[in-house]
């Protein structure tokens, strides 16, 4: 009889505790709302945590806990709460919306797309999917989505830039230029975009615009490294500002003595500028570094021919071809340049 009475008492106690849990959860949830409204997010989150401890299926408390932690920039905790909310209610719009944004910020682009596709009517869905597609190297999908994004928000500089960058990565340089130009006009702080635009112009052989873009990038704080100065130097040379370009390239050569690529490029550029003496000087420097440099010898031969010493120049070209038979094909070129 005593055992039966004890068992009955336990059952009553458990049932009472269970019935009290929802009430306790509601009590702490309401206290959390008060703290949230007062923007005391740390206290609010603590109360929401207690509400969830009393009732793990209290989706309102889980959602509010997620937002409180977002307000405190505790994204790890926020993503845990919104994931819990999503697992309990896969149709919960708040969970879907916040998870897609959080996954994107965590560079989990495939997950961001998966969740965002379920967020019907969410304001940022199309942008998240398109930007994630770019990072997953699905450039066609990225461009299609981002064109829709900027049609609704023409001031979105990053979306505009990403369209340009997608075209760049697809090697459609001419298509990329207008989007880079517009993005830079929208956000004049992006020196990286300015430098990339310079490289685009360079690849399109618009060297004057390339030089202008490089200079603009430097003016806005882009790091002026040897590589940067090399690009700018070549842009100067090929846009007709030979002395500026040569000065920059020689400053790099002083830091990297014996760099044959720079010497060879200046030699060729000088030849194209019909400055045959200068081209000869750089060819001599190349031959001093390597007596078997057939390309430099051939270029020097062309210079002598252009200077009127055809027999001497032809002999040098013949000797260069003996050293490197592949140079014989250069005689078929009409412009006389050999692409050193």
Protein backbone atom coordinates (compact mmCIF):
# COMPACT_ATOMS: atom_id res chain seq x y z
CA UNK A 1 0.00 0.00 0.00
CA UNK A 2 2.84 2.38 0.86
CA UNK A 3 4.53 1.64 -2.45
CA UNK A 4 1.35 2.43 -4.36
CA UNK A 5 0.92 5.69 -2.48
CA UNK A 6 4.56 6.68 -3.22
CA UNK A 7 4.18 5.95 -6.91
CA UNK A 8 0.99 7.98 -7.08
CA UNK A 9 2.73 10.93 -5.39
CA UNK A 10 5.58 10.79 -7.95
CA UNK A 11 3.17 10.80 -10.85
CA UNK A 12 1.32 13.80 -9.45
CA UNK A 13 4.63 15.65 -8.89
CA UNK A 14 5.84 14.99 -12.44
CA UNK A 15 2.53 16.04 -13.97
CA UNK A 16 2.55 19.23 -11.91
CA UNK A 17 6.14 20.04 -13.00
CA UNK A 18 5.29 19.44 -16.64
CA UNK A 19 2.25 21.67 -16.40
CA UNK A 20 4.32 24.42 -14.80
CA UNK A 21 7.04 24.40 -17.53
CA UNK A 22 5.01 26.29 -20.16
CA UNK A 23 4.04 28.87 -17.55
CA UNK A 24 7.67 29.33 -16.54
CA UNK A 25 8.71 29.57 -20.19
CA UNK A 26 6.08 32.27 -20.78
CA UNK A 27 7.23 34.17 -17.66
CA UNK A 28 10.86 34.31 -18.80
CA UNK A 29 9.90 34.96 -22.42
CA UNK A 30 7.92 38.04 -21.38
CA UNK A 31 10.80 39.29 -19.25
CA UNK A 32 13.06 38.80 -22.27
CA UNK A 33 10.72 40.90 -24.43
CA UNK A 34 10.89 43.75 -21.89
CA UNK A 35 14.70 43.68 -21.98
CA UNK A 36 14.73 43.42 -25.76
CA UNK A 37 12.51 46.50 -26.09
CA UNK A 38 14.92 48.35 -23.79
CA UNK A 39 17.78 47.17 -26.03
CA UNK A 40 19.43 45.31 -23.16
CA UNK A 41 20.16 42.37 -25.41
CA UNK A 42 22.44 40.48 -23.05
CA UNK A 43 19.74 40.27 -20.38
CA UNK A 44 17.10 39.58 -23.02
CA UNK A 45 19.10 36.62 -24.37
CA UNK A 46 19.56 35.25 -20.85
CA UNK A 47 15.79 35.30 -20.27
CA UNK A 48 15.08 33.75 -23.65
CA UNK A 49 17.60 31.00 -22.82
CA UNK A 50 15.69 30.25 -19.61
CA UNK A 51 12.39 30.19 -21.50
CA UNK A 52 13.86 27.65 -23.94
CA UNK A 53 15.21 25.55 -21.07
CA UNK A 54 11.69 25.29 -19.69
CA UNK A 55 10.11 24.70 -23.09
CA UNK A 56 12.41 23.58 -25.89
CA UNK A 57 9.58 23.88 -28.42
CA UNK A 58 8.90 27.53 -27.69
CA UNK A 59 9.68 28.76 -31.21
CA UNK A 60 8.93 32.40 -30.31
CA UNK A 61 11.65 32.32 -27.62
CA UNK A 62 14.09 30.59 -29.99
CA UNK A 63 13.48 33.23 -32.67
CA UNK A 64 13.87 36.14 -30.24
CA UNK A 65 17.04 34.59 -28.81
CA UNK A 66 18.44 34.46 -32.32
CA UNK A 67 17.67 38.13 -32.96
CA UNK A 68 19.06 39.21 -29.56
CA UNK A 69 22.35 37.50 -30.34
CA UNK A 70 22.40 39.01 -33.83
CA UNK A 71 22.04 42.44 -32.22
CA UNK A 72 25.13 41.63 -30.11
CA UNK A 73 26.97 40.35 -33.21
CA UNK A 74 27.17 36.88 -31.65
CA UNK A 75 26.59 35.21 -34.99
CA UNK A 76 27.75 31.74 -33.88
CA UNK A 77 25.02 31.68 -31.21
CA UNK A 78 22.48 33.25 -33.56
CA UNK A 79 23.04 30.66 -36.26
CA UNK A 80 22.56 27.91 -33.68
CA UNK A 81 19.19 29.31 -32.61
CA UNK A 82 17.94 29.92 -36.15
CA UNK A 83 19.09 26.42 -37.16
CA UNK A 84 17.09 25.01 -34.22
CA UNK A 85 14.09 27.08 -35.30
CA UNK A 86 14.44 25.88 -38.90
CA UNK A 87 14.64 22.23 -37.80
CA UNK A 88 11.46 22.59 -35.76
CA UNK A 89 9.64 24.59 -38.44
CA UNK A 90 11.18 24.36 -41.94
CA UNK A 91 8.62 26.90 -43.19
CA UNK A 92 9.53 29.55 -40.62
CA UNK A 93 10.25 32.66 -42.69
CA UNK A 94 12.43 34.34 -40.04
CA UNK A 95 14.66 31.27 -39.76
CA UNK A 96 14.98 30.95 -43.54
CA UNK A 97 15.72 34.65 -44.04
CA UNK A 98 18.35 34.91 -41.30
CA UNK A 99 20.02 31.57 -42.05
CA UNK A 100 20.47 32.41 -45.72
CA UNK A 101 22.18 35.69 -44.75
CA UNK A 102 24.27 34.04 -42.03
CA UNK A 103 25.40 31.19 -44.29
CA UNK A 104 26.43 33.77 -46.89
CA UNK A 105 28.44 35.75 -44.34
CA UNK A 106 30.11 32.49 -43.24
CA UNK A 107 31.05 31.77 -46.91
CA UNK A 108 28.84 28.66 -46.89
CA UNK A 109 27.49 29.59 -50.30
CA UNK A 110 25.86 26.30 -51.27
CA UNK A 111 23.89 26.30 -48.00
CA UNK A 112 22.99 29.95 -48.48
CA UNK A 113 21.50 29.17 -51.91
CA UNK A 114 19.66 26.09 -50.62
CA UNK A 115 17.97 28.00 -47.81
CA UNK A 116 17.40 31.24 -49.75
CA UNK A 117 15.51 29.34 -52.46
CA UNK A 118 12.89 28.57 -49.80
CA UNK A 119 12.50 32.22 -48.80
CA UNK A 120 9.70 33.17 -51.18
CA UNK A 121 9.21 36.91 -51.28
CA UNK A 122 12.18 37.75 -49.04
CA UNK A 123 13.74 41.06 -50.04
CA UNK A 124 17.38 39.91 -50.18
CA UNK A 125 16.90 36.41 -51.57
CA UNK A 126 17.80 37.13 -55.19
CA UNK A 127 20.95 39.02 -54.20
CA UNK A 128 22.17 36.27 -51.85
CA UNK A 129 21.62 33.58 -54.49
CA UNK A 130 23.34 35.63 -57.21
CA UNK A 131 26.32 36.64 -55.06
CA UNK A 132 26.69 33.07 -53.78
CA UNK A 133 26.61 31.82 -57.37
CA UNK A 134 29.50 34.14 -58.21
CA UNK A 135 31.57 32.75 -55.35
CA UNK A 136 30.76 29.22 -56.55
CA UNK A 137 32.05 30.28 -60.02
CA UNK A 138 28.63 29.95 -61.65
CA UNK A 139 29.08 33.25 -63.45
CA UNK A 140 26.15 32.95 -65.84
CA UNK A 141 23.69 32.50 -62.96
CA UNK A 142 25.38 35.29 -61.02
CA UNK A 143 25.12 37.79 -63.87
CA UNK A 144 21.49 36.93 -64.59
CA UNK A 145 20.49 37.37 -60.95
CA UNK A 146 22.57 40.49 -60.33
CA UNK A 147 21.16 42.25 -63.40
CA UNK A 148 17.74 41.85 -61.77
CA UNK A 149 19.15 43.10 -58.47
CA UNK A 150 20.56 46.34 -59.92
CA UNK A 151 17.41 46.91 -61.99
CA UNK A 152 15.61 47.26 -58.64
CA UNK A 153 18.47 49.00 -56.85
CA UNK A 154 20.76 50.83 -59.30
CA UNK A 155 22.82 52.20 -56.39
CA UNK A 156 24.04 48.74 -55.32
CA UNK A 157 27.75 49.23 -56.00
CA UNK A 158 28.87 45.75 -54.91
CA UNK A 159 26.30 43.99 -57.10
CA UNK A 160 27.32 46.20 -60.04
CA UNK A 161 31.00 45.41 -59.43
CA UNK A 162 30.29 41.68 -59.17
CA UNK A 163 28.64 41.70 -62.60
CA UNK A 164 31.81 43.28 -63.98
CA UNK A 165 33.99 40.85 -62.10
CA UNK A 166 31.95 37.91 -63.44
CA UNK A 167 32.53 39.13 -67.01
CA UNK A 168 36.24 39.55 -66.20
CA UNK A 169 36.44 35.98 -64.89
CA UNK A 170 34.69 34.83 -68.09
CA UNK A 171 37.36 36.83 -70.01
CA UNK A 172 34.66 39.02 -71.55
CA UNK A 173 36.69 42.14 -70.83
CA UNK A 174 34.79 44.61 -73.01
CA UNK A 175 31.52 43.67 -71.27
CA UNK A 176 33.13 44.08 -67.86
CA UNK A 177 34.33 47.68 -68.35
CA UNK A 178 30.99 49.57 -68.10
CA UNK A 179 30.02 47.75 -64.90
CA UNK A 180 33.41 48.46 -63.30
CA UNK A 181 33.11 52.11 -64.34
CA UNK A 182 29.63 52.42 -62.86
CA UNK A 183 30.56 50.58 -59.64
CA UNK A 184 33.53 52.91 -59.07
CA UNK A 185 31.30 55.94 -59.66
CA UNK A 186 28.91 54.58 -57.02
CA UNK A 187 31.67 53.87 -54.48
CA UNK A 188 34.80 55.97 -54.93
CA UNK A 189 36.60 54.29 -52.00
CA UNK A 190 37.27 50.98 -53.79
CA UNK A 191 40.88 51.27 -54.96
CA UNK A 192 41.01 47.53 -55.73
CA UNK A 193 38.22 47.99 -58.27
CA UNK A 194 40.15 50.88 -59.84
CA UNK A 195 43.26 48.74 -60.21
CA UNK A 196 41.26 45.88 -61.72
CA UNK A 197 39.71 48.32 -64.20
CA UNK A 198 43.23 49.36 -65.16
CA UNK A 199 44.11 45.73 -65.84
CA UNK A 200 40.95 45.37 -67.94
CA UNK A 201 41.90 48.37 -70.07
CA UNK A 202 45.43 46.96 -70.36
CA UNK A 203 44.10 43.65 -71.69
CA UNK A 204 41.96 45.60 -74.15
CA UNK A 205 45.08 47.49 -75.33
CA UNK A 206 43.60 50.80 -74.16
CA UNK A 207 46.82 51.77 -72.43
CA UNK A 208 45.98 55.43 -71.84
CA UNK A 209 42.85 54.49 -69.89
CA UNK A 210 44.82 51.76 -68.13
CA UNK A 211 47.40 54.28 -66.92
CA UNK A 212 44.65 56.65 -65.76
CA UNK A 213 42.93 53.89 -63.78
CA UNK A 214 46.19 52.75 -62.18
CA UNK A 215 46.98 56.33 -61.15
CA UNK A 216 43.48 56.76 -59.72
CA UNK A 217 43.89 53.56 -57.71
CA UNK A 218 47.20 54.81 -56.28
CA UNK A 219 45.65 58.19 -55.44
CA UNK A 220 42.98 56.32 -53.46
CA UNK A 221 45.48 54.31 -51.44
CA UNK A 222 46.16 51.21 -53.53
CA UNK A 223 49.57 49.73 -52.53
CA UNK A 224 52.28 50.90 -54.92
CA UNK A 225 54.31 47.69 -55.21
CA UNK A 226 56.85 46.62 -57.84
CA UNK A 227 54.10 44.73 -59.68
CA UNK A 228 51.87 47.81 -59.65
CA UNK A 229 54.66 50.05 -60.96
CA UNK A 230 55.51 47.50 -63.63
CA UNK A 231 51.91 47.53 -64.91
CA UNK A 232 51.82 51.32 -64.77
CA UNK A 233 55.21 51.56 -66.49
CA UNK A 234 54.13 49.40 -69.41
CA UNK A 235 50.84 51.32 -69.66
CA UNK A 236 52.84 54.56 -69.92
CA UNK A 237 55.18 53.12 -72.56
CA UNK A 238 52.43 51.64 -74.74
CA UNK A 239 50.32 54.81 -74.48
CA UNK A 240 53.18 56.89 -75.87
CA UNK A 241 54.54 58.21 -72.56
CA UNK A 242 57.81 56.38 -73.06
CA UNK A 243 60.03 58.37 -70.72
CA UNK A 244 57.62 58.03 -67.79
CA UNK A 245 57.31 54.31 -68.37
CA UNK A 246 61.04 53.74 -68.82
CA UNK A 247 61.79 55.63 -65.60
CA UNK A 248 59.38 53.45 -63.62
CA UNK A 249 60.65 50.21 -65.12
CA UNK A 250 64.28 51.17 -64.54
CA UNK A 251 63.46 51.90 -60.90
CA UNK A 252 62.17 48.32 -60.62
CA UNK A 253 65.22 46.99 -62.48
CA UNK A 254 67.46 48.73 -59.91
CA UNK A 255 65.73 46.65 -57.21
CA UNK A 256 65.84 43.47 -59.31
CA UNK A 257 69.09 43.67 -61.29
CA UNK A 258 69.35 41.34 -64.25
CA UNK A 259 65.59 41.01 -64.79
CA UNK A 260 65.62 39.97 -68.43
CA UNK A 261 61.88 40.36 -68.94
CA UNK A 262 61.98 44.09 -68.20
CA UNK A 263 65.03 44.62 -70.40
CA UNK A 264 63.43 42.65 -73.24
CA UNK A 265 60.14 44.52 -72.99
CA UNK A 266 61.83 47.93 -73.03
CA UNK A 267 63.92 46.83 -76.01
CA UNK A 268 60.81 45.84 -77.94
CA UNK A 269 58.87 48.95 -76.93
CA UNK A 270 61.79 51.14 -78.02
CA UNK A 271 61.87 49.35 -81.38
CA UNK A 272 58.15 49.93 -81.89
CA UNK A 273 58.70 53.60 -81.04
CA UNK A 274 61.40 53.61 -83.78
CA UNK A 275 64.03 54.47 -81.17
CA UNK A 276 66.49 51.95 -82.59
CA UNK A 277 69.56 53.15 -80.68
CA UNK A 278 67.78 52.74 -77.36
CA UNK A 279 66.49 49.32 -78.40
CA UNK A 280 70.04 48.32 -79.35
CA UNK A 281 71.31 49.43 -75.96
CA UNK A 282 68.86 47.15 -74.15
CA UNK A 283 69.64 44.28 -76.55
CA UNK A 284 73.32 44.69 -75.68
CA UNK A 285 72.48 44.48 -71.97
CA UNK A 286 70.57 41.25 -72.59
CA UNK A 287 73.48 39.75 -74.56
CA UNK A 288 75.89 40.75 -71.80
CA UNK A 289 73.75 38.79 -69.36
CA UNK A 290 73.48 35.80 -71.73
CA UNK A 291 75.70 35.52 -74.81
CA UNK A 292 73.34 32.85 -76.21
CA UNK A 293 70.25 35.05 -76.07
CA UNK A 294 69.12 34.50 -79.66
CA UNK A 295 66.04 36.73 -79.36
CA UNK A 296 68.12 39.70 -78.23
CA UNK A 297 70.60 39.10 -81.07
CA UNK A 298 67.75 38.93 -83.61
CA UNK A 299 66.19 42.13 -82.25
CA UNK A 300 69.58 43.86 -82.47
CA UNK A 301 69.89 42.69 -86.08
CA UNK A 302 66.52 44.22 -86.91
CA UNK A 303 67.65 47.50 -85.32
CA UNK A 304 70.76 47.62 -87.50
CA UNK A 305 68.69 46.95 -90.59
CA UNK A 306 66.33 49.80 -89.67
CA UNK A 307 69.36 52.05 -89.18
CA UNK A 308 70.49 51.31 -92.74
CA UNK A 309 73.17 48.71 -91.93
CA UNK A 310 71.27 45.96 -93.71
CA UNK A 311 74.17 43.54 -94.31
CA UNK A 312 75.33 43.66 -90.70
CA UNK A 313 71.79 43.36 -89.40
CA UNK A 314 70.94 40.46 -91.72
CA UNK A 315 74.06 38.60 -90.63
CA UNK A 316 73.08 39.01 -86.97
CA UNK A 317 69.56 37.75 -87.68
CA UNK A 318 70.97 34.73 -89.55
CA UNK A 319 73.26 33.90 -86.62
CA UNK A 320 70.33 34.23 -84.22
CA UNK A 321 68.28 31.78 -86.32
CA UNK A 322 71.16 29.29 -86.25
CA UNK A 323 71.08 29.54 -82.45
CA UNK A 324 67.27 29.28 -82.32
CA UNK A 325 65.64 27.99 -85.56
CA UNK A 326 62.17 28.95 -84.28
CA UNK A 327 63.07 32.59 -84.97
CA UNK A 328 62.94 31.98 -88.74
CA UNK A 329 59.18 32.43 -88.66
CA UNK A 330 59.61 36.01 -87.53
CA UNK A 331 60.76 37.00 -90.99
CA UNK A 332 57.17 36.55 -92.15
CA UNK A 333 55.97 39.39 -89.93
CA UNK A 334 55.29 42.63 -91.72
CA UNK A 335 55.76 44.93 -88.75
CA UNK A 336 59.31 43.81 -87.97
CA UNK A 337 58.51 43.24 -84.27
CA UNK A 338 59.35 39.88 -82.79
CA UNK A 339 57.37 39.86 -79.57
CA UNK A 340 60.32 39.70 -77.24
